[in-house]
Amino acid sequence: MQSTEAKLSKNSLSLALKRYSTAVRDMEHTVLVPSLLRDVPASELWDCDETCRDLYDSYLMLKAIRNTVESGLVSPDERAKVADVSSLEPLLGMDAEGLFHFHLRGLFSVMRDLTSRTQSLTGKYKNIIGVHN
């Protein structure tokens, strides 16, 4: 019997979402004391500007995104942000298929980045507690 991952195409959206969920689950199993991530600048792991959070906030954000991905529920605040399409006006002239591919490429890019961030946060936590891979 093939595993679920083996059944999915290497480049499928389902697999990208599954990889992210798995990385967050691994992070949750590894990070037993999340408060150790407080005041550890996220800039130690990622290039980011002044909006960068500490690793504890990043940990909470990564979990929240995973919960949204798995539940499919979007808060009313997030729906309101989506309703403001004025910033998307240049895209509105695209045909439906072109628009779909544009957003799909963006989603793959974001999921790849989030998975990478989750894995690097897990590795940083292991370094903090003295566990080496």
N, C-alpha and C. Protein backbone atom coordinates (compact mmCIF):
# COMPACT_ATOMS: atom_id res chain seq x y z
N MET A 1 0.84 -1.18 0.00
CA MET A 1 0.00 0.00 0.00
C MET A 1 0.88 1.24 0.00
N GLN A 2 0.55 2.20 -0.88
CA GLN A 2 1.33 3.43 -0.98
C GLN A 2 0.95 4.40 0.12
N SER A 3 1.95 5.16 0.57
CA SER A 3 1.66 6.20 1.55
C SER A 3 0.88 7.32 0.86
N THR A 4 0.22 8.14 1.65
CA THR A 4 -0.55 9.27 1.11
C THR A 4 0.37 10.18 0.32
N GLU A 5 1.58 10.44 0.85
CA GLU A 5 2.51 11.33 0.18
C GLU A 5 2.94 10.76 -1.17
N ALA A 6 3.13 9.44 -1.25
CA ALA A 6 3.55 8.82 -2.50
C ALA A 6 2.45 8.91 -3.55
N LYS A 7 1.18 8.93 -3.14
CA LYS A 7 0.07 9.01 -4.07
C LYS A 7 -0.07 10.40 -4.68
N LEU A 8 0.38 11.42 -3.94
CA LEU A 8 0.23 12.79 -4.41
C LEU A 8 1.38 13.16 -5.34
N SER A 9 1.08 13.96 -6.33
CA SER A 9 2.12 14.44 -7.22
C SER A 9 3.14 15.23 -6.43
N LYS A 10 4.39 15.13 -6.84
CA LYS A 10 5.49 15.81 -6.16
C LYS A 10 5.24 17.31 -6.02
N ASN A 11 4.52 17.89 -6.94
CA ASN A 11 4.30 19.32 -6.94
C ASN A 11 2.86 19.71 -6.62
N SER A 12 2.11 18.82 -6.01
CA SER A 12 0.70 19.13 -5.76
C SER A 12 0.53 20.07 -4.57
N LEU A 13 -0.53 20.83 -4.61
CA LEU A 13 -0.86 21.73 -3.52
C LEU A 13 -1.16 20.93 -2.25
N SER A 14 -1.83 19.82 -2.40
CA SER A 14 -2.14 18.97 -1.23
C SER A 14 -0.87 18.53 -0.53
N LEU A 15 0.15 18.18 -1.29
CA LEU A 15 1.41 17.75 -0.69
C LEU A 15 2.12 18.92 -0.02
N ALA A 16 2.08 20.10 -0.62
CA ALA A 16 2.71 21.28 -0.01
C ALA A 16 2.04 21.60 1.33
N LEU A 17 0.71 21.52 1.38
CA LEU A 17 -0.01 21.78 2.62
C LEU A 17 0.27 20.69 3.65
N LYS A 18 0.37 19.44 3.20
CA LYS A 18 0.67 18.32 4.10
C LYS A 18 2.08 18.47 4.68
N ARG A 19 3.03 18.87 3.85
CA ARG A 19 4.40 19.07 4.34
C ARG A 19 4.44 20.15 5.42
N TYR A 20 3.70 21.23 5.20
CA TYR A 20 3.66 22.30 6.19
C TYR A 20 3.03 21.81 7.49
N SER A 21 1.90 21.14 7.39
CA SER A 21 1.24 20.62 8.59
C SER A 21 2.14 19.65 9.34
N THR A 22 2.85 18.82 8.62
CA THR A 22 3.77 17.86 9.24
C THR A 22 4.91 18.60 9.93
N ALA A 23 5.45 19.62 9.28
CA ALA A 23 6.54 20.39 9.89
C ALA A 23 6.07 21.07 11.17
N VAL A 24 4.85 21.60 11.19
CA VAL A 24 4.32 22.25 12.39
C VAL A 24 4.08 21.19 13.48
N ARG A 25 3.56 20.05 13.10
CA ARG A 25 3.35 18.97 14.08
C ARG A 25 4.68 18.54 14.70
N ASP A 26 5.72 18.41 13.87
CA ASP A 26 7.06 18.07 14.38
C ASP A 26 7.56 19.17 15.32
N MET A 27 7.33 20.42 14.95
CA MET A 27 7.74 21.54 15.79
C MET A 27 7.03 21.46 17.14
N GLU A 28 5.74 21.20 17.13
CA GLU A 28 4.98 21.10 18.38
C GLU A 28 5.49 19.97 19.27
N HIS A 29 5.86 18.85 18.65
CA HIS A 29 6.37 17.72 19.42
C HIS A 29 7.77 17.98 19.98
N THR A 30 8.53 18.82 19.29
CA THR A 30 9.89 19.13 19.70
C THR A 30 9.92 20.25 20.73
N VAL A 31 9.14 21.31 20.49
CA VAL A 31 9.16 22.48 21.35
C VAL A 31 8.23 22.21 22.55
N LEU A 32 8.82 21.67 23.59
CA LEU A 32 8.04 21.31 24.77
C LEU A 32 7.87 22.49 25.73
N VAL A 33 8.79 23.46 25.65
CA VAL A 33 8.72 24.65 26.50
C VAL A 33 8.82 25.87 25.58
N PRO A 34 7.70 26.25 24.95
CA PRO A 34 7.74 27.36 23.99
C PRO A 34 8.25 28.66 24.58
N SER A 35 8.10 28.87 25.87
CA SER A 35 8.54 30.13 26.47
C SER A 35 10.05 30.33 26.35
N LEU A 36 10.80 29.26 26.09
CA LEU A 36 12.25 29.41 25.86
C LEU A 36 12.53 30.22 24.59
N LEU A 37 11.53 30.34 23.74
CA LEU A 37 11.70 31.08 22.49
C LEU A 37 11.43 32.58 22.66
N ARG A 38 10.92 32.97 23.83
CA ARG A 38 10.65 34.39 24.09
C ARG A 38 11.95 35.18 24.05
N ASP A 39 11.87 36.34 23.48
CA ASP A 39 12.99 37.29 23.40
C ASP A 39 14.17 36.79 22.56
N VAL A 40 14.00 35.67 21.85
CA VAL A 40 15.01 35.24 20.89
C VAL A 40 14.61 35.88 19.56
N PRO A 41 15.40 36.82 19.07
CA PRO A 41 15.01 37.53 17.85
C PRO A 41 14.87 36.59 16.65
N ALA A 42 13.77 36.74 15.94
CA ALA A 42 13.56 35.94 14.73
C ALA A 42 14.61 36.26 13.68
N SER A 43 15.19 37.44 13.78
CA SER A 43 16.22 37.84 12.81
C SER A 43 17.47 36.95 12.91
N GLU A 44 17.59 36.17 14.00
CA GLU A 44 18.69 35.21 14.09
C GLU A 44 18.52 34.09 13.07
N LEU A 45 17.28 33.85 12.64
CA LEU A 45 17.02 32.77 11.68
C LEU A 45 16.67 33.27 10.29
N TRP A 46 15.97 34.39 10.22
CA TRP A 46 15.43 34.85 8.94
C TRP A 46 15.79 36.31 8.71
N ASP A 47 15.96 36.66 7.45
CA ASP A 47 16.11 38.06 7.08
C ASP A 47 14.75 38.72 7.24
N CYS A 48 14.67 39.69 8.11
CA CYS A 48 13.40 40.38 8.29
C CYS A 48 13.66 41.79 8.76
N ASP A 49 12.65 42.62 8.60
CA ASP A 49 12.79 44.03 8.97
C ASP A 49 12.30 44.26 10.40
N GLU A 50 11.97 45.50 10.70
CA GLU A 50 11.55 45.84 12.07
C GLU A 50 10.23 45.20 12.48
N THR A 51 9.49 44.64 11.52
CA THR A 51 8.23 43.97 11.87
C THR A 51 8.47 42.55 12.37
N CYS A 52 9.73 42.14 12.37
CA CYS A 52 10.08 40.78 12.79
C CYS A 52 9.73 40.58 14.27
N ARG A 53 9.22 39.43 14.56
CA ARG A 53 8.82 39.10 15.93
C ARG A 53 9.91 38.27 16.59
N ASP A 54 9.69 37.97 17.86
CA ASP A 54 10.60 37.01 18.48
C ASP A 54 10.14 35.61 18.08
N LEU A 55 10.95 34.61 18.38
CA LEU A 55 10.63 33.25 17.94
C LEU A 55 9.38 32.69 18.61
N TYR A 56 9.05 33.17 19.79
CA TYR A 56 7.84 32.71 20.46
C TYR A 56 6.61 33.16 19.66
N ASP A 57 6.58 34.43 19.25
CA ASP A 57 5.46 34.92 18.44
C ASP A 57 5.41 34.19 17.09
N SER A 58 6.58 33.91 16.53
CA SER A 58 6.63 33.17 15.26
C SER A 58 6.08 31.76 15.45
N TYR A 59 6.42 31.14 16.56
CA TYR A 59 5.91 29.81 16.89
C TYR A 59 4.38 29.82 16.92
N LEU A 60 3.81 30.80 17.60
CA LEU A 60 2.35 30.90 17.70
C LEU A 60 1.73 31.17 16.32
N MET A 61 2.37 32.02 15.53
CA MET A 61 1.86 32.34 14.20
C MET A 61 1.86 31.10 13.31
N LEU A 62 2.96 30.35 13.32
CA LEU A 62 3.06 29.15 12.49
C LEU A 62 1.98 28.13 12.85
N LYS A 63 1.71 27.99 14.15
CA LYS A 63 0.64 27.09 14.59
C LYS A 63 -0.73 27.60 14.14
N ALA A 64 -0.96 28.90 14.27
CA ALA A 64 -2.26 29.48 13.88
C ALA A 64 -2.51 29.31 12.38
N ILE A 65 -1.48 29.51 11.58
CA ILE A 65 -1.63 29.33 10.14
C ILE A 65 -1.95 27.88 9.83
N ARG A 66 -1.28 26.96 10.49
CA ARG A 66 -1.57 25.54 10.28
C ARG A 66 -3.02 25.22 10.64
N ASN A 67 -3.49 25.78 11.74
CA ASN A 67 -4.88 25.54 12.13
C ASN A 67 -5.86 26.06 11.07
N THR A 68 -5.56 27.22 10.50
CA THR A 68 -6.40 27.77 9.44
C THR A 68 -6.34 26.90 8.19
N VAL A 69 -5.14 26.44 7.83
CA VAL A 69 -4.98 25.57 6.66
C VAL A 69 -5.79 24.29 6.84
N GLU A 70 -5.72 23.71 8.03
CA GLU A 70 -6.40 22.43 8.25
C GLU A 70 -7.90 22.59 8.45
N SER A 71 -8.34 23.68 9.05
CA SER A 71 -9.78 23.85 9.32
C SER A 71 -10.50 24.51 8.15
N GLY A 72 -9.78 25.32 7.39
CA GLY A 72 -10.40 26.04 6.30
C GLY A 72 -11.20 27.24 6.76
N LEU A 73 -11.19 27.51 8.06
CA LEU A 73 -11.95 28.63 8.59
C LEU A 73 -11.13 29.90 8.54
N VAL A 74 -11.73 30.95 8.05
CA VAL A 74 -11.07 32.25 7.98
C VAL A 74 -11.89 33.21 8.83
N SER A 75 -11.20 33.96 9.68
CA SER A 75 -11.90 34.89 10.59
C SER A 75 -12.57 36.00 9.79
N PRO A 76 -13.59 36.61 10.37
CA PRO A 76 -14.26 37.74 9.69
C PRO A 76 -13.30 38.88 9.34
N ASP A 77 -12.30 39.12 10.21
CA ASP A 77 -11.31 40.16 9.91
C ASP A 77 -10.52 39.84 8.65
N GLU A 78 -10.15 38.57 8.52
CA GLU A 78 -9.39 38.16 7.33
C GLU A 78 -10.26 38.24 6.09
N ARG A 79 -11.54 37.87 6.20
CA ARG A 79 -12.45 37.96 5.06
C ARG A 79 -12.61 39.41 4.62
N ALA A 80 -12.63 40.34 5.57
CA ALA A 80 -12.75 41.76 5.24
C ALA A 80 -11.54 42.22 4.46
N LYS A 81 -10.35 41.73 4.82
CA LYS A 81 -9.13 42.10 4.10
C LYS A 81 -9.21 41.61 2.66
N VAL A 82 -9.72 40.40 2.45
CA VAL A 82 -9.85 39.83 1.11
C VAL A 82 -10.86 40.63 0.29
N ALA A 83 -11.89 41.14 0.93
CA ALA A 83 -12.94 41.88 0.23
C ALA A 83 -12.39 43.17 -0.39
N ASP A 84 -11.30 43.73 0.15
CA ASP A 84 -10.71 44.94 -0.40
C ASP A 84 -9.81 44.56 -1.56
N VAL A 85 -10.37 44.58 -2.76
CA VAL A 85 -9.63 44.14 -3.94
C VAL A 85 -8.97 45.30 -4.68
N SER A 86 -9.02 46.52 -4.14
CA SER A 86 -8.46 47.67 -4.84
C SER A 86 -6.97 47.49 -5.12
N SER A 87 -6.25 46.79 -4.23
CA SER A 87 -4.82 46.57 -4.46
C SER A 87 -4.59 45.51 -5.54
N LEU A 88 -5.63 44.80 -5.92
CA LEU A 88 -5.49 43.75 -6.92
C LEU A 88 -5.97 44.19 -8.31
N GLU A 89 -6.30 45.48 -8.47
CA GLU A 89 -6.85 45.95 -9.73
C GLU A 89 -6.03 45.54 -10.95
N PRO A 90 -4.68 45.59 -10.91
CA PRO A 90 -3.94 45.16 -12.10
C PRO A 90 -4.19 43.70 -12.46
N LEU A 91 -4.54 42.88 -11.48
CA LEU A 91 -4.78 41.45 -11.74
C LEU A 91 -6.18 41.18 -12.26
N LEU A 92 -7.10 42.10 -12.03
CA LEU A 92 -8.49 41.86 -12.38
C LEU A 92 -8.71 41.72 -13.88
N GLY A 93 -7.81 42.26 -14.67
CA GLY A 93 -7.93 42.14 -16.12
C GLY A 93 -7.45 40.80 -16.66
N MET A 94 -6.83 40.00 -15.82
CA MET A 94 -6.32 38.69 -16.27
C MET A 94 -7.48 37.73 -16.45
N ASP A 95 -7.28 36.77 -17.34
CA ASP A 95 -8.29 35.74 -17.49
C ASP A 95 -8.27 34.85 -16.24
N ALA A 96 -9.32 34.12 -16.01
CA ALA A 96 -9.46 33.31 -14.80
C ALA A 96 -8.32 32.30 -14.64
N GLU A 97 -7.92 31.68 -15.73
CA GLU A 97 -6.84 30.69 -15.64
C GLU A 97 -5.52 31.34 -15.28
N GLY A 98 -5.22 32.49 -15.88
CA GLY A 98 -3.99 33.21 -15.56
C GLY A 98 -3.97 33.66 -14.12
N LEU A 99 -5.10 34.15 -13.63
CA LEU A 99 -5.22 34.59 -12.25
C LEU A 99 -5.04 33.41 -11.30
N PHE A 100 -5.63 32.28 -11.64
CA PHE A 100 -5.49 31.07 -10.84
C PHE A 100 -4.02 30.66 -10.74
N HIS A 101 -3.31 30.63 -11.86
CA HIS A 101 -1.89 30.23 -11.86
C HIS A 101 -1.03 31.24 -11.09
N PHE A 102 -1.35 32.52 -11.20
CA PHE A 102 -0.63 33.54 -10.44
C PHE A 102 -0.75 33.27 -8.94
N HIS A 103 -1.97 33.05 -8.48
CA HIS A 103 -2.19 32.81 -7.05
C HIS A 103 -1.64 31.46 -6.61
N LEU A 104 -1.71 30.47 -7.45
CA LEU A 104 -1.17 29.15 -7.11
C LEU A 104 0.35 29.22 -6.93
N ARG A 105 1.04 29.92 -7.82
CA ARG A 105 2.50 30.09 -7.67
C ARG A 105 2.81 30.79 -6.36
N GLY A 106 2.02 31.84 -6.05
CA GLY A 106 2.22 32.55 -4.79
C GLY A 106 1.98 31.67 -3.59
N LEU A 107 0.94 30.86 -3.64
CA LEU A 107 0.64 29.97 -2.52
C LEU A 107 1.74 28.94 -2.33
N PHE A 108 2.24 28.36 -3.41
CA PHE A 108 3.35 27.42 -3.29
C PHE A 108 4.56 28.09 -2.66
N SER A 109 4.85 29.30 -3.08
CA SER A 109 6.00 30.03 -2.54
C SER A 109 5.83 30.28 -1.05
N VAL A 110 4.64 30.71 -0.64
CA VAL A 110 4.38 30.98 0.77
C VAL A 110 4.46 29.69 1.59
N MET A 111 3.88 28.61 1.09
CA MET A 111 3.89 27.35 1.84
C MET A 111 5.32 26.82 1.98
N ARG A 112 6.13 26.96 0.94
CA ARG A 112 7.53 26.53 0.99
C ARG A 112 8.28 27.35 2.05
N ASP A 113 8.04 28.67 2.06
CA ASP A 113 8.69 29.55 3.03
C ASP A 113 8.24 29.23 4.45
N LEU A 114 6.95 29.03 4.67
CA LEU A 114 6.46 28.71 6.00
C LEU A 114 7.00 27.37 6.50
N THR A 115 7.09 26.39 5.61
CA THR A 115 7.64 25.09 5.99
C THR A 115 9.10 25.24 6.38
N SER A 116 9.84 25.99 5.61
CA SER A 116 11.25 26.22 5.91
C SER A 116 11.42 26.95 7.24
N ARG A 117 10.60 27.96 7.48
CA ARG A 117 10.67 28.70 8.75
C ARG A 117 10.34 27.79 9.93
N THR A 118 9.35 26.94 9.75
CA THR A 118 8.96 26.01 10.82
C THR A 118 10.12 25.08 11.14
N GLN A 119 10.75 24.55 10.11
CA GLN A 119 11.88 23.63 10.32
C GLN A 119 13.07 24.34 10.96
N SER A 120 13.34 25.58 10.56
CA SER A 120 14.47 26.29 11.15
C SER A 120 14.17 26.68 12.60
N LEU A 121 12.93 27.01 12.92
CA LEU A 121 12.57 27.30 14.31
C LEU A 121 12.75 26.06 15.17
N THR A 122 12.36 24.92 14.65
CA THR A 122 12.54 23.66 15.38
C THR A 122 14.02 23.40 15.63
N GLY A 123 14.84 23.62 14.62
CA GLY A 123 16.29 23.44 14.77
C GLY A 123 16.88 24.41 15.79
N LYS A 124 16.43 25.66 15.78
CA LYS A 124 16.92 26.65 16.74
C LYS A 124 16.54 26.24 18.16
N TYR A 125 15.33 25.75 18.35
CA TYR A 125 14.91 25.29 19.68
C TYR A 125 15.82 24.15 20.15
N LYS A 126 16.13 23.23 19.25
CA LYS A 126 17.02 22.12 19.61
C LYS A 126 18.38 22.65 20.04
N ASN A 127 18.88 23.68 19.36
CA ASN A 127 20.16 24.29 19.76
C ASN A 127 20.05 24.95 21.12
N ILE A 128 18.93 25.62 21.38
CA ILE A 128 18.73 26.29 22.67
C ILE A 128 18.77 25.28 23.83
N ILE A 129 18.13 24.12 23.62
CA ILE A 129 18.09 23.14 24.71
C ILE A 129 19.27 22.18 24.70
N GLY A 130 20.16 22.34 23.71
CA GLY A 130 21.38 21.53 23.67
C GLY A 130 21.25 20.20 22.98
N VAL A 131 20.21 20.01 22.18
CA VAL A 131 20.04 18.79 21.41
C VAL A 131 20.54 19.07 19.99
N HIS A 132 21.39 18.21 19.50
CA HIS A 132 21.93 18.40 18.15
C HIS A 132 21.43 17.28 17.27
N ASN A 133 21.13 17.62 16.04
CA ASN A 133 20.61 16.63 15.09
C ASN A 133 21.58 15.53 14.82
